[in-house]
Structures are given as structure tokens and as C-alpha cells.
Amino acid sequence: MSIEVGSKLQGKVTGITNFGAFVELPNGSTGLVHISEVADNYVKDINDHLSEGDQVEVKVINVENDGKIGLSIKKAQENYKSKPNNRGGGGGRKGGGGKGKNDRAQRPENFESKMNRFLKDSEDRLATLRKHTESKRGGRGAKRG
């Protein structure tokens, strides 16, 4: 029995880590359910949702060339619907035209670009914070009299 992306299988939880759970599949291979694929809501502690020995239904979401199998419990559920990326704060522009932050939701972002965007945003915030802090203290090297 070959493991194909998109197939739903029954498996047994064989191990739990802080980043996910290992599930043994019917053909004897083992896949990983990442903590983000356990439930629809935020999972702080995977032990609140799974225990070793649990029988779970999983959906195969990817199979790597080196044999690693990515699994999802939440996508295996009948009532699962793909949600749009609603991480914004709700204060977006009204009207059309132009490229905005919501354009990112249409194409998946790889880890490198997410990290680069995060670092740039971080640097911008730190520069603003430093500027405001220095103006309140009178700037660098100000003489105290």
C-alpha cells in the first residue's frame, strides 16, 4: 500500500513531542502530525488533544523525497473547510486597486520570505522606538548640567 497525498488513513499515535505527534500508519510507516495540524484552534500543549496509543484519522498532506510523511488531523475531519488567511487586524483600506498585504494570502509564502519580512518589520520598529527614546532623553551625548 503506497501512501498518496490526499488520502485519509487510520493511524495510531506512537510518540508525542513538543512540536507534534508521530503516527504509525497501516503500512507500517510513520508520519508526523505537526502541532499546527492537530486542531482548528491554537494548540499550546499537544497533550491536551492527543495521548500515546490513541487511534486517529489522518490525511496525508505531503510525502518528501526522503520518505518523511506529513499528516494532518484537522484536515481529515469531515467538516474541515479551508479558511482564508484572516490574520490581519481588520483595519485595512477600503476600495480597490493597488497591491496590499492581502495579496500574500493568494500565494503561499516560503519560510525565507516570511523571515525576511519579519526581520525588516522588526528593524523598522526598533528604529522608531530608538528615535522616540532618544528624543525624550535629549539625544545621545547630551551634556547634563
Protein backbone atom coordinates (compact mmCIF):
# COMPACT_ATOMS: atom_id res chain seq x y z
CA MET A 1 0.00 0.00 0.00
CA SER A 2 1.59 3.27 -1.08
CA ILE A 3 0.97 6.50 0.76
CA GLU A 4 -0.56 9.13 -1.52
CA VAL A 5 -1.09 12.82 -0.81
CA GLY A 6 -4.75 13.49 -0.06
CA SER A 7 -5.59 10.01 1.22
CA LYS A 8 -7.25 9.55 4.61
CA LEU A 9 -5.95 6.78 6.84
CA GLN A 10 -6.40 5.42 10.35
CA GLY A 11 -3.28 5.50 12.48
CA LYS A 12 -2.02 5.03 16.00
CA VAL A 13 -0.17 7.74 17.94
CA THR A 14 3.22 6.24 18.83
CA GLY A 15 5.02 9.27 20.20
CA ILE A 16 4.40 12.84 21.28
CA THR A 17 6.87 15.73 21.19
CA ASN A 18 6.51 19.45 21.87
CA PHE A 19 6.21 20.08 18.10
CA GLY A 20 3.80 17.30 17.12
CA ALA A 21 2.87 13.64 17.24
CA PHE A 22 4.22 10.61 15.41
CA VAL A 23 1.53 8.37 13.95
CA GLU A 24 2.05 4.80 12.74
CA LEU A 25 0.15 4.16 9.53
CA PRO A 26 -1.41 0.86 8.35
CA ASN A 27 1.54 0.00 6.07
CA GLY A 28 3.98 0.23 9.00
CA SER A 29 5.45 3.61 8.09
CA THR A 30 5.37 6.55 10.48
CA GLY A 31 4.32 10.12 9.75
CA LEU A 32 4.34 13.36 11.70
CA VAL A 33 1.30 15.44 12.60
CA HIS A 34 2.73 18.91 13.28
CA ILE A 35 1.17 20.68 16.27
CA SER A 36 -0.42 23.21 13.89
CA GLU A 37 -2.29 20.36 12.15
CA VAL A 38 -3.87 18.85 15.29
CA ALA A 39 -6.89 21.13 15.69
CA ASP A 40 -8.60 24.14 14.09
CA ASN A 41 -7.82 26.32 17.08
CA TYR A 42 -4.43 27.20 18.64
CA VAL A 43 -2.81 24.23 20.38
CA LYS A 44 -0.49 25.25 23.20
CA ASP A 45 0.04 21.76 24.63
CA ILE A 46 -0.43 18.80 22.32
CA ASN A 47 -1.04 16.55 25.34
CA ASP A 48 -4.41 18.27 25.81
CA HIS A 49 -5.50 16.78 22.46
CA LEU A 50 -3.59 13.51 21.99
CA SER A 51 -2.11 10.66 24.00
CA GLU A 52 0.14 7.78 23.01
CA GLY A 53 -1.92 4.84 21.80
CA ASP A 54 -4.81 6.98 20.50
CA GLN A 55 -6.38 5.87 17.22
CA VAL A 56 -6.71 8.87 14.91
CA GLU A 57 -7.86 9.57 11.39
CA VAL A 58 -5.23 11.49 9.45
CA LYS A 59 -4.93 12.98 5.99
CA VAL A 60 -1.63 12.79 4.12
CA ILE A 61 -0.63 16.36 3.25
CA ASN A 62 2.85 15.71 1.86
CA VAL A 63 5.40 12.98 1.20
CA GLU A 64 9.03 14.11 0.99
CA ASN A 65 11.63 12.53 -1.28
CA ASP A 66 13.48 11.22 1.78
CA GLY A 67 10.37 9.34 2.92
CA LYS A 68 9.08 11.77 5.56
CA ILE A 69 5.30 11.86 5.66
CA GLY A 70 3.39 14.97 6.73
CA LEU A 71 -0.04 14.31 8.24
CA SER A 72 -2.99 16.40 9.38
CA ILE A 73 -5.75 15.51 11.81
CA LYS A 74 -7.76 18.69 11.31
CA LYS A 75 -7.86 18.28 7.51
CA ALA A 76 -9.08 14.69 7.89
CA GLN A 77 -12.25 15.85 9.64
CA GLU A 78 -15.41 15.82 7.52
CA ASN A 79 -16.40 19.38 8.45
CA TYR A 80 -12.96 20.88 7.70
CA LYS A 81 -13.09 23.82 5.32
CA SER A 82 -10.02 25.66 4.14
CA LYS A 83 -10.07 29.06 5.79
CA PRO A 84 -8.76 32.21 4.12
CA ASN A 85 -5.76 33.80 5.81
CA ASN A 86 -7.51 36.22 8.20
CA ARG A 87 -4.54 37.26 10.29
CA GLY A 88 -4.98 40.97 9.58
CA GLY A 89 -6.14 43.43 12.22
CA GLY A 90 -9.28 44.37 10.33
CA GLY A 91 -8.20 47.95 9.70
CA GLY A 92 -7.44 47.57 6.02
CA ARG A 93 -8.10 50.05 3.22
CA LYS A 94 -11.47 50.17 1.58
CA GLY A 95 -11.76 50.36 -2.16
CA GLY A 96 -9.93 48.54 -4.87
CA GLY A 97 -6.74 48.73 -6.82
CA GLY A 98 -3.14 48.51 -5.78
CA LYS A 99 -1.31 45.75 -4.04
CA GLY A 100 -1.86 45.37 -0.34
CA LYS A 101 -0.99 42.95 2.41
CA ASN A 102 -3.92 40.72 1.48
CA ASP A 103 -2.20 39.78 -1.78
CA ARG A 104 0.03 37.47 0.27
CA ALA A 105 -2.96 35.27 1.10
CA GLN A 106 -3.29 34.32 -2.56
CA ARG A 107 0.16 32.82 -2.95
CA PRO A 108 1.89 30.75 -0.29
CA GLU A 109 4.94 32.37 1.22
CA ASN A 110 8.05 30.33 1.85
CA PHE A 111 9.88 30.44 5.16
CA GLU A 112 12.75 32.58 3.84
CA SER A 113 10.47 35.38 2.64
CA LYS A 114 8.45 35.30 5.87
CA MET A 115 11.66 35.55 7.90
CA ASN A 116 12.99 38.41 5.75
CA ARG A 117 9.71 40.31 6.10
CA PHE A 118 9.72 39.74 9.87
CA LEU A 119 13.32 40.98 10.20
CA LYS A 120 12.59 44.10 8.13
CA ASP A 121 9.47 44.90 10.18
CA SER A 122 11.44 44.31 13.38
CA GLU A 123 14.24 46.66 12.33
CA ASP A 124 11.72 49.35 11.39
CA ARG A 125 10.01 49.08 14.77
CA LEU A 126 13.31 49.17 16.66
CA ALA A 127 14.48 52.24 14.71
CA THR A 128 11.23 54.04 15.56
CA LEU A 129 11.50 53.05 19.21
CA ARG A 130 15.13 54.23 19.44
CA LYS A 131 14.26 57.56 17.81
CA HIS A 132 11.45 58.24 20.28
CA THR A 133 13.51 57.12 23.28
CA GLU A 134 16.46 59.33 22.34
CA SER A 135 14.25 62.38 21.79
CA LYS A 136 12.86 62.01 25.32
CA ARG A 137 16.35 61.80 26.82
CA GLY A 138 17.71 64.69 24.83
CA GLY A 139 19.67 62.62 22.35
CA ARG A 140 22.96 60.84 22.66
CA GLY A 141 25.84 62.53 24.35
CA ALA A 142 23.76 65.37 25.73
CA LYS A 143 25.57 67.22 28.50
CA ARG A 144 23.97 67.22 31.89
CA GLY A 145 24.33 70.40 33.69
